[in-house]
C-alpha cells in the first residue's frame, strides 16, 4: 500500500518506517529533515520518499492543509498531532480518500486508572492538558467513524523507548545516566513513598508492530483504540531491582514522601516524578492480543538492558 507517515523520523518512525518498507509498502515520510533521528539511514530507508515540511509553521497558514490534500495514500499514520485543531485538518484533508488513518495517542489520555489493568473501554479521565487534548482527538475521531465511516484506529503508547531513547528511569524521571550509575555501583537511590507507583514502558518497535497489525486487519481495527504498551507495568522499586541486577547488584533504596523528592532530585525531575506517580499507568494489552495478535517483543527488563547497553557502548555511562 501507499503509506504516508507524518513524523516518521522520530522515536516511533525510526522503527516503523523500516518495518513498512521491509513489508513492501511504498512509504512517504513527512518531516523537517530527510534523515531519521534514531536509526541508521542505510537500513530500510533508501526506498523512502521524502516530503520535507515543517508542520508547525505550515499549519499557521493554509499550506499544510493544501499539502495534505495533494497527497495520494492508502494509509496515513499521524504521529505528530497533539491538538484537536491539528487532527481536524487531517480529517478534512483525507476524508473519503484513504483506506486507513492511524492516530498515535497516549496512555495519558486515560488519566489515572481506578482499576487495573486499564482497558480501552474504561472512561477517560485525563488530568493533564496533553492528556485532555489527546482524549478529545480520540473522541472526535471515533465520532467521525460513527458519523461518516472515517477509517480510523487509535493507538495509545505508554512510555516510549528504544535503544537510543532512554526509558523513564527507575526513579520515575529522566535523570540521564545518574540513576543507572547509582544502581550499577550500589549507591542509594531515593524513591517516592513506598516505591510502588508503576510505569508502563513500550519499545518503539512494539508500537510499530501494533501499527502494522492494525493495518493488516482493518476489519477488526477500524473504529477502535488499542493500548500500545509492554506485557506488564512495573513498580519503581521493581525497575530499580531489574537494573541493579544487570550489574550483579541488589538496589539500595531510600523511601521519602513524594513532596520531599524535590530535595533530592531538584524541581524539574520532581515534577516529572510527581506526574508519573499520580498516573501510575498500568494498561491491558488483551484487546490487541485478541483482535490483532499483538505480542510485545520487549519486556521492561529487556528495554532497560538494551538502553543501558547502548549507554555503555557509546561511553555515556562510565563505571569505575
C-alpha atoms as a PDB file:
ATOM      1  CA  UNK A   1       0.000   0.000   0.000  1.00  0.00           C
ATOM      2  CA  UNK A   2       0.956   3.644  -0.251  1.00  0.00           C
ATOM      3  CA  UNK A   3       1.617   4.825   3.293  1.00  0.00           C
ATOM      4  CA  UNK A   4       2.142   8.392   4.470  1.00  0.00           C
ATOM      5  CA  UNK A   5       3.904   8.704   7.836  1.00  0.00           C
ATOM      6  CA  UNK A   6       3.720  12.140   9.430  1.00  0.00           C
ATOM      7  CA  UNK A   7       6.588  12.490  11.872  1.00  0.00           C
ATOM      8  CA  UNK A   8       8.371   9.422  10.553  1.00  0.00           C
ATOM      9  CA  UNK A   9      11.890  10.307  11.691  1.00  0.00           C
ATOM     10  CA  UNK A  10      11.209  10.295  15.455  1.00  0.00           C
ATOM     11  CA  UNK A  11      11.125   7.588  18.101  1.00  0.00           C
ATOM     12  CA  UNK A  12       8.316   5.515  16.606  1.00  0.00           C
ATOM     13  CA  UNK A  13       9.135   6.236  12.983  1.00  0.00           C
ATOM     14  CA  UNK A  14      12.708   5.049  13.397  1.00  0.00           C
ATOM     15  CA  UNK A  15      11.327   1.526  13.822  1.00  0.00           C
ATOM     16  CA  UNK A  16       8.042   1.841  11.931  1.00  0.00           C
ATOM     17  CA  UNK A  17       9.419   3.028   8.599  1.00  0.00           C
ATOM     18  CA  UNK A  18      11.907   0.132   8.154  1.00  0.00           C
ATOM     19  CA  UNK A  19       9.098  -2.292   9.050  1.00  0.00           C
ATOM     20  CA  UNK A  20       6.856  -0.763   6.402  1.00  0.00           C
ATOM     21  CA  UNK A  21       9.482  -0.641   3.661  1.00  0.00           C
ATOM     22  CA  UNK A  22      10.546  -4.191   4.546  1.00  0.00           C
ATOM     23  CA  UNK A  23       6.921  -5.230   4.193  1.00  0.00           C
ATOM     24  CA  UNK A  24       6.837  -3.974   0.625  1.00  0.00           C
ATOM     25  CA  UNK A  25       4.839  -0.792   1.216  1.00  0.00           C
ATOM     26  CA  UNK A  26       5.534   2.432  -0.655  1.00  0.00           C
ATOM     27  CA  UNK A  27       6.363   4.863   2.150  1.00  0.00           C
ATOM     28  CA  UNK A  28       6.400   8.645   2.122  1.00  0.00           C
ATOM     29  CA  UNK A  29       7.702  10.393   5.231  1.00  0.00           C
ATOM     30  CA  UNK A  30       6.826  13.968   6.149  1.00  0.00           C
ATOM     31  CA  UNK A  31       9.477  15.563   8.340  1.00  0.00           C
ATOM     32  CA  UNK A  32      11.524  18.717   8.743  1.00  0.00           C
ATOM     33  CA  UNK A  33      14.689  16.863   7.704  1.00  0.00           C
ATOM     34  CA  UNK A  34      15.113  13.936   5.331  1.00  0.00           C
ATOM     35  CA  UNK A  35      17.094  11.916   7.857  1.00  0.00           C
ATOM     36  CA  UNK A  36      15.974   9.518  10.611  1.00  0.00           C
ATOM     37  CA  UNK A  37      16.961  10.732  14.072  1.00  0.00           C
ATOM     38  CA  UNK A  38      17.325   7.399  15.894  1.00  0.00           C
ATOM     39  CA  UNK A  39      18.111   4.932  13.126  1.00  0.00           C
ATOM     40  CA  UNK A  40      20.784   4.216  10.538  1.00  0.00           C
ATOM     41  CA  UNK A  41      19.613   5.789   7.274  1.00  0.00           C
ATOM     42  CA  UNK A  42      21.172   2.925   5.298  1.00  0.00           C
ATOM     43  CA  UNK A  43      18.846   0.277   6.718  1.00  0.00           C
ATOM     44  CA  UNK A  44      15.279   0.281   5.432  1.00  0.00           C
ATOM     45  CA  UNK A  45      15.352   3.970   4.495  1.00  0.00           C
ATOM     46  CA  UNK A  46      16.783   4.208   0.937  1.00  0.00           C
ATOM     47  CA  UNK A  47      13.344   3.357  -0.519  1.00  0.00           C
ATOM     48  CA  UNK A  48      11.589   6.167   1.365  1.00  0.00           C
ATOM     49  CA  UNK A  49      10.081   9.110  -0.485  1.00  0.00           C
ATOM     50  CA  UNK A  50      10.622  12.336   1.422  1.00  0.00           C
ATOM     51  CA  UNK A  51       8.319  15.287   1.870  1.00  0.00           C
ATOM     52  CA  UNK A  52      10.297  17.950   3.711  1.00  0.00           C
ATOM     53  CA  UNK A  53       7.993  20.300   5.607  1.00  0.00           C
ATOM     54  CA  UNK A  54       7.676  21.989   8.975  1.00  0.00           C
ATOM     55  CA  UNK A  55       4.171  21.131  10.113  1.00  0.00           C
ATOM     56  CA  UNK A  56       4.057  23.660  12.944  1.00  0.00           C
ATOM     57  CA  UNK A  57       4.867  26.518  10.561  1.00  0.00           C
ATOM     58  CA  UNK A  58       2.639  25.396   7.705  1.00  0.00           C
ATOM     59  CA  UNK A  59      -0.355  24.887   9.982  1.00  0.00           C
ATOM     60  CA  UNK A  60      -0.298  28.625  10.633  1.00  0.00           C
ATOM     61  CA  UNK A  61      -1.461  29.155   7.065  1.00  0.00           C
ATOM     62  CA  UNK A  62      -3.376  27.005   4.600  1.00  0.00           C
ATOM     63  CA  UNK A  63      -0.105  25.451   3.405  1.00  0.00           C
ATOM     64  CA  UNK A  64      -0.363  22.281   5.485  1.00  0.00           C
ATOM     65  CA  UNK A  65      -3.948  21.542   4.518  1.00  0.00           C
ATOM     66  CA  UNK A  66      -3.149  22.132   0.850  1.00  0.00           C
ATOM     67  CA  UNK A  67      -0.105  19.863   1.090  1.00  0.00           C
ATOM     68  CA  UNK A  68      -2.127  17.055   2.678  1.00  0.00           C
ATOM     69  CA  UNK A  69      -4.945  17.370   0.140  1.00  0.00           C
ATOM     70  CA  UNK A  70      -2.413  16.796  -2.640  1.00  0.00           C
ATOM     71  CA  UNK A  71      -1.171  13.518  -1.123  1.00  0.00           C
ATOM     72  CA  UNK A  72      -2.342  10.218  -2.587  1.00  0.00           C
ATOM     73  CA  UNK A  73      -2.208   7.456   0.000  1.00  0.00           C
ATOM     74  CA  UNK A  74      -3.968   4.304   1.134  1.00  0.00           C
ATOM     75  CA  UNK A  75      -2.874   4.652   4.760  1.00  0.00           C
ATOM     76  CA  UNK A  76      -1.985   7.752   6.773  1.00  0.00           C
ATOM     77  CA  UNK A  77      -0.171   7.399  10.107  1.00  0.00           C
ATOM     78  CA  UNK A  78      -0.067  10.599  12.145  1.00  0.00           C
ATOM     79  CA  UNK A  79       2.459  10.551  14.980  1.00  0.00           C
ATOM     80  CA  UNK A  80       2.570  14.323  15.413  1.00  0.00           C
ATOM     81  CA  UNK A  81      -0.956  15.584  16.155  1.00  0.00           C
ATOM     82  CA  UNK A  82      -1.092  16.977  19.688  1.00  0.00           C
ATOM     83  CA  UNK A  83      -4.083  19.313  19.423  1.00  0.00           C
ATOM     84  CA  UNK A  84      -7.628  18.742  18.140  1.00  0.00           C
ATOM     85  CA  UNK A  85      -7.206  21.524  15.565  1.00  0.00           C
ATOM     86  CA  UNK A  86      -4.261  19.697  14.014  1.00  0.00           C
ATOM     87  CA  UNK A  87      -6.228  16.491  13.787  1.00  0.00           C
ATOM     88  CA  UNK A  88      -9.261  18.194  12.228  1.00  0.00           C
ATOM     89  CA  UNK A  89      -7.050  19.441   9.385  1.00  0.00           C
ATOM     90  CA  UNK A  90      -6.006  15.860   8.709  1.00  0.00           C
ATOM     91  CA  UNK A  91      -9.550  14.527   8.775  1.00  0.00           C
ATOM     92  CA  UNK A  92     -10.728  17.268   6.411  1.00  0.00           C
ATOM     93  CA  UNK A  93      -7.821  16.596   4.049  1.00  0.00           C
ATOM     94  CA  UNK A  94      -8.253  12.816   3.852  1.00  0.00           C
ATOM     95  CA  UNK A  95     -11.938  12.132   4.450  1.00  0.00           C
ATOM     96  CA  UNK A  96     -13.257   9.872   1.691  1.00  0.00           C
ATOM     97  CA  UNK A  97      -9.807   9.410   0.135  1.00  0.00           C
ATOM     98  CA  UNK A  98      -7.984   6.792   2.220  1.00  0.00           C
ATOM     99  CA  UNK A  99      -8.474   3.254   3.477  1.00  0.00           C
ATOM    100  CA  UNK A 100      -6.975   3.690   6.930  1.00  0.00           C
ATOM    101  CA  UNK A 101      -5.984   6.540   9.266  1.00  0.00           C
ATOM    102  CA  UNK A 102      -3.902   5.681  12.331  1.00  0.00           C
ATOM    103  CA  UNK A 103      -3.533   8.264  15.074  1.00  0.00           C
ATOM    104  CA  UNK A 104      -0.806   7.868  17.686  1.00  0.00           C
ATOM    105  CA  UNK A 105      -2.327   8.884  21.012  1.00  0.00           C
ATOM    106  CA  UNK A 106      -1.072   8.302  24.567  1.00  0.00           C
ATOM    107  CA  UNK A 107      -1.994   6.475  27.755  1.00  0.00           C
ATOM    108  CA  UNK A 108      -2.054   9.970  29.320  1.00  0.00           C
ATOM    109  CA  UNK A 109      -5.479  10.258  27.642  1.00  0.00           C
ATOM    110  CA  UNK A 110      -6.698   7.607  30.077  1.00  0.00           C
ATOM    111  CA  UNK A 111      -5.789   9.504  33.228  1.00  0.00           C
ATOM    112  CA  UNK A 112      -5.064   7.655  36.489  1.00  0.00           C
ATOM    113  CA  UNK A 113      -6.665   4.212  36.474  1.00  0.00           C
ATOM    114  CA  UNK A 114      -9.266   3.431  39.119  1.00  0.00           C
ATOM    115  CA  UNK A 115      -8.906  -0.282  38.405  1.00  0.00           C
ATOM    116  CA  UNK A 116      -6.002  -2.073  36.800  1.00  0.00           C
ATOM    117  CA  UNK A 117      -5.096  -3.062  34.282  1.00  0.00           C
ATOM    118  CA  UNK A 118      -6.830  -0.205  32.450  1.00  0.00           C
ATOM    119  CA  UNK A 119      -8.910  -1.373  29.487  1.00  0.00           C
ATOM    120  CA  UNK A 120      -9.644   0.681  26.374  1.00  0.00           C
ATOM    121  CA  UNK A 121     -13.363   0.677  27.154  1.00  0.00           C
ATOM    122  CA  UNK A 122     -12.838   2.314  30.555  1.00  0.00           C
ATOM    123  CA  UNK A 123     -13.840   6.002  30.862  1.00  0.00           C
ATOM    124  CA  UNK A 124     -11.291   8.669  30.013  1.00  0.00           C
ATOM    125  CA  UNK A 125     -10.374  10.939  32.925  1.00  0.00           C
ATOM    126  CA  UNK A 126      -7.190  12.752  31.844  1.00  0.00           C
ATOM    127  CA  UNK A 127      -5.569  15.111  34.346  1.00  0.00           C
ATOM    128  CA  UNK A 128      -3.054  16.951  32.138  1.00  0.00           C
ATOM    129  CA  UNK A 129      -3.532  19.349  29.249  1.00  0.00           C
ATOM    130  CA  UNK A 130      -1.677  16.936  26.982  1.00  0.00           C
ATOM    131  CA  UNK A 131      -3.891  14.048  28.057  1.00  0.00           C
ATOM    132  CA  UNK A 132      -7.102  16.071  27.685  1.00  0.00           C
ATOM    133  CA  UNK A 133      -6.201  17.142  24.148  1.00  0.00           C
ATOM    134  CA  UNK A 134      -5.338  13.593  23.130  1.00  0.00           C
ATOM    135  CA  UNK A 135      -8.575  12.298  24.659  1.00  0.00           C
ATOM    136  CA  UNK A 136     -10.516  14.921  22.713  1.00  0.00           C
ATOM    137  CA  UNK A 137      -8.781  13.899  19.488  1.00  0.00           C
ATOM    138  CA  UNK A 138      -9.719  10.284  20.153  1.00  0.00           C
ATOM    139  CA  UNK A 139     -13.345  11.184  20.865  1.00  0.00           C
ATOM    140  CA  UNK A 140     -13.617  13.285  17.704  1.00  0.00           C
ATOM    141  CA  UNK A 141     -12.038  10.588  15.551  1.00  0.00           C
ATOM    142  CA  UNK A 142     -14.386   7.935  16.853  1.00  0.00           C
ATOM    143  CA  UNK A 143     -17.332  10.255  16.253  1.00  0.00           C
ATOM    144  CA  UNK A 144     -16.127  10.672  12.655  1.00  0.00           C
ATOM    145  CA  UNK A 145     -16.055   6.887  12.350  1.00  0.00           C
ATOM    146  CA  UNK A 146     -19.621   6.629  13.579  1.00  0.00           C
ATOM    147  CA  UNK A 147     -20.931   9.547  11.513  1.00  0.00           C
ATOM    148  CA  UNK A 148     -19.115   9.150   8.207  1.00  0.00           C
ATOM    149  CA  UNK A 149     -17.151   5.913   8.372  1.00  0.00           C
ATOM    150  CA  UNK A 150     -13.812   7.732   8.557  1.00  0.00           C
ATOM    151  CA  UNK A 151     -11.456   4.722   8.748  1.00  0.00           C
ATOM    152  CA  UNK A 152      -9.597   5.419  11.984  1.00  0.00           C
ATOM    153  CA  UNK A 153      -7.629   3.393  14.507  1.00  0.00           C
ATOM    154  CA  UNK A 154      -6.117   4.986  17.617  1.00  0.00           C
ATOM    155  CA  UNK A 155      -3.030   3.607  19.346  1.00  0.00           C
ATOM    156  CA  UNK A 156      -2.190   4.718  22.888  1.00  0.00           C
ATOM    157  CA  UNK A 157       1.513   4.186  23.671  1.00  0.00           C
ATOM    158  CA  UNK A 158       2.881   4.027  27.179  1.00  0.00           C
ATOM    159  CA  UNK A 159       6.348   5.390  27.970  1.00  0.00           C
ATOM    160  CA  UNK A 160       8.059   5.154  24.574  1.00  0.00           C
ATOM    161  CA  UNK A 161      11.665   3.982  24.487  1.00  0.00           C
ATOM    162  CA  UNK A 162      14.222   2.454  22.191  1.00  0.00           C
ATOM    163  CA  UNK A 163      17.891   1.680  22.001  1.00  0.00           C
ATOM    164  CA  UNK A 164      18.817   5.358  21.603  1.00  0.00           C
ATOM    165  CA  UNK A 165      15.863   6.785  23.528  1.00  0.00           C
ATOM    166  CA  UNK A 166      16.164   6.266  27.269  1.00  0.00           C
ATOM    167  CA  UNK A 167      13.132   4.892  29.086  1.00  0.00           C
ATOM    168  CA  UNK A 168      11.567   6.664  32.024  1.00  0.00           C
ATOM    169  CA  UNK A 169      14.160   5.759  34.642  1.00  0.00           C
ATOM    170  CA  UNK A 170      13.582   3.649  37.772  1.00  0.00           C
ATOM    171  CA  UNK A 171      13.129   6.833  39.782  1.00  0.00           C
ATOM    172  CA  UNK A 172      10.234   7.905  37.550  1.00  0.00           C
ATOM    173  CA  UNK A 173      12.170  10.703  35.865  1.00  0.00           C
ATOM    174  CA  UNK A 174      14.611  11.399  33.023  1.00  0.00           C
ATOM    175  CA  UNK A 175      17.778  11.939  35.023  1.00  0.00           C
ATOM    176  CA  UNK A 176      20.107  10.930  32.218  1.00  0.00           C
ATOM    177  CA  UNK A 177      22.593   8.308  33.404  1.00  0.00           C
ATOM    178  CA  UNK A 178      22.654   9.325  37.073  1.00  0.00           C
ATOM    179  CA  UNK A 179      20.219   6.738  38.415  1.00  0.00           C
ATOM    180  CA  UNK A 180      21.730   3.964  36.301  1.00  0.00           C
ATOM    181  CA  UNK A 181      25.203   4.770  37.618  1.00  0.00           C
ATOM    182  CA  UNK A 182      23.974   4.622  41.214  1.00  0.00           C
ATOM    183  CA  UNK A 183      22.207   1.305  40.704  1.00  0.00           C
ATOM    184  CA  UNK A 184      25.259  -0.143  38.957  1.00  0.00           C
ATOM    185  CA  UNK A 185      27.616   0.906  41.746  1.00  0.00           C
ATOM    186  CA  UNK A 186      25.379   0.103  44.700  1.00  0.00           C
ATOM    187  CA  UNK A 187      24.785   3.704  45.742  1.00  0.00           C
ATOM    188  CA  UNK A 188      21.468   4.611  47.409  1.00  0.00           C
ATOM    189  CA  UNK A 189      18.571   5.669  45.183  1.00  0.00           C
ATOM    190  CA  UNK A 190      15.718   7.736  46.600  1.00  0.00           C
ATOM    191  CA  UNK A 191      12.167   6.715  45.627  1.00  0.00           C
ATOM    192  CA  UNK A 192       8.836   8.416  46.365  1.00  0.00           C
ATOM    193  CA  UNK A 193       6.634   6.968  49.099  1.00  0.00           C
ATOM    194  CA  UNK A 194       6.819   3.162  49.037  1.00  0.00           C
ATOM    195  CA  UNK A 195       8.287   2.858  45.537  1.00  0.00           C
ATOM    196  CA  UNK A 196       5.189   1.003  44.367  1.00  0.00           C
ATOM    197  CA  UNK A 197       4.000   3.600  41.832  1.00  0.00           C
ATOM    198  CA  UNK A 198       4.007   1.963  38.396  1.00  0.00           C
ATOM    199  CA  UNK A 199       5.342   2.904  34.998  1.00  0.00           C
ATOM    200  CA  UNK A 200       4.377   1.140  31.776  1.00  0.00           C
ATOM    201  CA  UNK A 201       7.052   1.191  29.118  1.00  0.00           C
ATOM    202  CA  UNK A 202       6.779   0.217  25.486  1.00  0.00           C
ATOM    203  CA  UNK A 203       9.543  -0.248  22.954  1.00  0.00           C
ATOM    204  CA  UNK A 204       9.009   1.809  19.798  1.00  0.00           C
ATOM    205  CA  UNK A 205       9.351  -1.370  17.742  1.00  0.00           C
ATOM    206  CA  UNK A 206       6.348  -2.853  19.546  1.00  0.00           C
ATOM    207  CA  UNK A 207       4.266   0.231  18.758  1.00  0.00           C
ATOM    208  CA  UNK A 208       5.329  -0.271  15.159  1.00  0.00           C
ATOM    209  CA  UNK A 209       4.312  -3.924  15.325  1.00  0.00           C
ATOM    210  CA  UNK A 210       0.863  -2.958  16.587  1.00  0.00           C
ATOM    211  CA  UNK A 211       0.570  -0.369  13.825  1.00  0.00           C
ATOM    212  CA  UNK A 212       1.365  -2.998  11.191  1.00  0.00           C
ATOM    213  CA  UNK A 213      -1.138  -5.410  12.672  1.00  0.00           C
ATOM    214  CA  UNK A 214      -3.868  -2.745  12.694  1.00  0.00           C
ATOM    215  CA  UNK A 215      -3.165  -2.056   9.011  1.00  0.00           C
ATOM    216  CA  UNK A 216      -3.307  -5.757   8.183  1.00  0.00           C
ATOM    217  CA  UNK A 217      -6.651  -6.312   9.958  1.00  0.00           C
ATOM    218  CA  UNK A 218      -8.872  -3.315   9.208  1.00  0.00           C
ATOM    219  CA  UNK A 219     -11.973  -5.474   9.629  1.00  0.00           C
ATOM    220  CA  UNK A 220     -11.332  -5.532  13.400  1.00  0.00           C
ATOM    221  CA  UNK A 221      -9.180  -2.419  13.932  1.00  0.00           C
ATOM    222  CA  UNK A 222     -11.274   0.323  12.332  1.00  0.00           C
ATOM    223  CA  UNK A 223     -13.141   2.469  14.826  1.00  0.00           C
ATOM    224  CA  UNK A 224     -11.135   1.002  17.701  1.00  0.00           C
ATOM    225  CA  UNK A 225      -8.434   2.141  20.100  1.00  0.00           C
ATOM    226  CA  UNK A 226      -5.640  -0.056  21.431  1.00  0.00           C
ATOM    227  CA  UNK A 227      -3.153   0.305  24.278  1.00  0.00           C
ATOM    228  CA  UNK A 228       0.371   0.110  22.888  1.00  0.00           C
ATOM    229  CA  UNK A 229       2.347  -0.993  25.928  1.00  0.00           C
ATOM    230  CA  UNK A 230       4.637  -3.752  27.104  1.00  0.00           C
ATOM    231  CA  UNK A 231       3.301  -7.015  28.531  1.00  0.00           C
ATOM    232  CA  UNK A 232       3.107  -5.569  32.044  1.00  0.00           C
ATOM    233  CA  UNK A 233       3.711  -2.442  34.102  1.00  0.00           C
ATOM    234  CA  UNK A 234       6.407  -2.386  36.777  1.00  0.00           C
ATOM    235  CA  UNK A 235       6.815  -0.572  40.075  1.00  0.00           C
ATOM    236  CA  UNK A 236       9.655   1.886  40.512  1.00  0.00           C
ATOM    237  CA  UNK A 237      11.187  -0.418  43.099  1.00  0.00           C
ATOM    238  CA  UNK A 238      10.916  -3.337  40.673  1.00  0.00           C
ATOM    239  CA  UNK A 239      12.606  -1.289  37.940  1.00  0.00           C
ATOM    240  CA  UNK A 240      15.450  -0.458  40.343  1.00  0.00           C
ATOM    241  CA  UNK A 241      15.893  -4.141  41.124  1.00  0.00           C
ATOM    242  CA  UNK A 242      15.859  -5.077  37.433  1.00  0.00           C
ATOM    243  CA  UNK A 243      18.538  -2.512  36.539  1.00  0.00           C
ATOM    244  CA  UNK A 244      20.740  -3.290  39.530  1.00  0.00           C
ATOM    245  CA  UNK A 245      20.595  -6.997  38.701  1.00  0.00           C
ATOM    246  CA  UNK A 246      22.154  -6.297  35.303  1.00  0.00           C
ATOM    247  CA  UNK A 247      25.309  -5.364  37.222  1.00  0.00           C
ATOM    248  CA  UNK A 248      25.034  -8.181  39.766  1.00  0.00           C
ATOM    249  CA  UNK A 249      23.771  -5.852  42.492  1.00  0.00           C
ATOM    250  CA  UNK A 250      20.834  -5.501  44.844  1.00  0.00           C
ATOM    251  CA  UNK A 251      19.403  -1.967  44.848  1.00  0.00           C
ATOM    252  CA  UNK A 252      19.944   0.220  47.888  1.00  0.00           C
ATOM    253  CA  UNK A 253      16.667   2.113  48.197  1.00  0.00           C
ATOM    254  CA  UNK A 254      15.627   5.008  50.396  1.00  0.00           C
ATOM    255  CA  UNK A 255      11.956   5.983  50.572  1.00  0.00           C
ATOM    256  CA  UNK A 256      10.741   9.526  51.223  1.00  0.00           C
ATOM    257  CA  UNK A 257       7.343  11.241  50.856  1.00  0.00           C
ATOM    258  CA  UNK A 258       6.607  12.369  47.307  1.00  0.00           C
ATOM    259  CA  UNK A 259       6.603  16.016  48.419  1.00  0.00           C
ATOM    260  CA  UNK A 260      10.211  15.648  49.615  1.00  0.00           C
ATOM    261  CA  UNK A 261      11.603  14.296  46.339  1.00  0.00           C
ATOM    262  CA  UNK A 262      12.425  17.845  45.249  1.00  0.00           C
ATOM    263  CA  UNK A 263      15.109  17.998  47.945  1.00  0.00           C
ATOM    264  CA  UNK A 264      16.866  15.023  46.386  1.00  0.00           C
ATOM    265  CA  UNK A 265      16.381  15.474  42.635  1.00  0.00           C
ATOM    266  CA  UNK A 266      15.556  19.153  42.042  1.00  0.00           C
ATOM    267  CA  UNK A 267      12.412  20.842  40.776  1.00  0.00           C
ATOM    268  CA  UNK A 268      12.477  19.669  37.155  1.00  0.00           C
ATOM    269  CA  UNK A 269      12.871  15.966  37.949  1.00  0.00           C
ATOM    270  CA  UNK A 270      10.475  16.180  40.893  1.00  0.00           C
ATOM    271  CA  UNK A 271       7.716  17.462  38.593  1.00  0.00           C
ATOM    272  CA  UNK A 272       8.234  14.555  36.202  1.00  0.00           C
ATOM    273  CA  UNK A 273       8.265  12.047  39.046  1.00  0.00           C
ATOM    274  CA  UNK A 274       5.089  13.502  40.515  1.00  0.00           C
ATOM    275  CA  UNK A 275       3.308  13.226  37.163  1.00  0.00           C
ATOM    276  CA  UNK A 276       4.285   9.589  36.798  1.00  0.00           C
ATOM    277  CA  UNK A 277       3.381   8.724  40.387  1.00  0.00           C
ATOM    278  CA  UNK A 278      -0.021  10.403  40.031  1.00  0.00           C
ATOM    279  CA  UNK A 279      -0.772   8.452  36.854  1.00  0.00           C
ATOM    280  CA  UNK A 280       0.850   5.118  37.805  1.00  0.00           C
ATOM    281  CA  UNK A 281      -0.191   3.699  34.411  1.00  0.00           C
ATOM    282  CA  UNK A 282      -0.987   0.024  34.051  1.00  0.00           C
ATOM    283  CA  UNK A 283      -2.828  -0.837  30.824  1.00  0.00           C
ATOM    284  CA  UNK A 284      -4.123  -4.105  29.417  1.00  0.00           C
ATOM    285  CA  UNK A 285      -2.978  -5.447  26.048  1.00  0.00           C
ATOM    286  CA  UNK A 286      -5.689  -8.134  25.992  1.00  0.00           C
ATOM    287  CA  UNK A 287      -7.725  -6.361  23.314  1.00  0.00           C
ATOM    288  CA  UNK A 288      -4.741  -6.006  20.988  1.00  0.00           C
ATOM    289  CA  UNK A 289      -3.808  -9.616  21.565  1.00  0.00           C
ATOM    290  CA  UNK A 290      -7.331 -10.862  20.920  1.00  0.00           C
ATOM    291  CA  UNK A 291      -8.167  -8.794  17.848  1.00  0.00           C
ATOM    292  CA  UNK A 292      -4.780  -8.136  16.270  1.00  0.00           C
ATOM    293  CA  UNK A 293      -2.480 -10.866  17.552  1.00  0.00           C
ATOM    294  CA  UNK A 294      -0.284  -8.261  19.229  1.00  0.00           C
ATOM    295  CA  UNK A 295       2.594  -9.780  21.164  1.00  0.00           C
ATOM    296  CA  UNK A 296       5.222  -7.365  22.513  1.00  0.00           C
ATOM    297  CA  UNK A 297       8.794  -8.409  21.837  1.00  0.00           C
ATOM    298  CA  UNK A 298      10.181  -6.364  24.729  1.00  0.00           C
ATOM    299  CA  UNK A 299       9.584  -6.545  28.456  1.00  0.00           C
ATOM    300  CA  UNK A 300      10.548  -3.609  30.667  1.00  0.00           C
ATOM    301  CA  UNK A 301      13.636  -5.509  31.808  1.00  0.00           C
ATOM    302  CA  UNK A 302      14.727  -6.023  28.190  1.00  0.00           C
ATOM    303  CA  UNK A 303      14.122  -2.357  27.391  1.00  0.00           C
ATOM    304  CA  UNK A 304      16.428  -1.315  30.228  1.00  0.00           C
ATOM    305  CA  UNK A 305      19.056  -3.863  29.185  1.00  0.00           C
ATOM    306  CA  UNK A 306      19.095  -2.623  25.576  1.00  0.00           C
ATOM    307  CA  UNK A 307      19.203   1.054  26.531  1.00  0.00           C
ATOM    308  CA  UNK A 308      21.905   0.637  29.178  1.00  0.00           C
ATOM    309  CA  UNK A 309      23.991  -1.462  26.797  1.00  0.00           C
ATOM    310  CA  UNK A 310      23.868   1.461  24.351  1.00  0.00           C
ATOM    311  CA  UNK A 311      24.851   3.904  27.119  1.00  0.00           C
ATOM    312  CA  UNK A 312      27.880   1.757  27.926  1.00  0.00           C
ATOM    313  CA  UNK A 313      28.856   1.261  24.277  1.00  0.00           C
ATOM    314  CA  UNK A 314      28.551   4.971  23.500  1.00  0.00           C
ATOM    315  CA  UNK A 315      30.504   5.991  26.583  1.00  0.00           C
ATOM    316  CA  UNK A 316      27.640   7.966  28.087  1.00  0.00           C
ATOM    317  CA  UNK A 317      27.572   5.688  31.124  1.00  0.00           C
ATOM    318  CA  UNK A 318      31.006   5.300  32.693  1.00  0.00           C
ATOM    319  CA  UNK A 319      31.594   2.959  35.614  1.00  0.00           C
ATOM    320  CA  UNK A 320      34.653   2.876  37.873  1.00  0.00           C
END
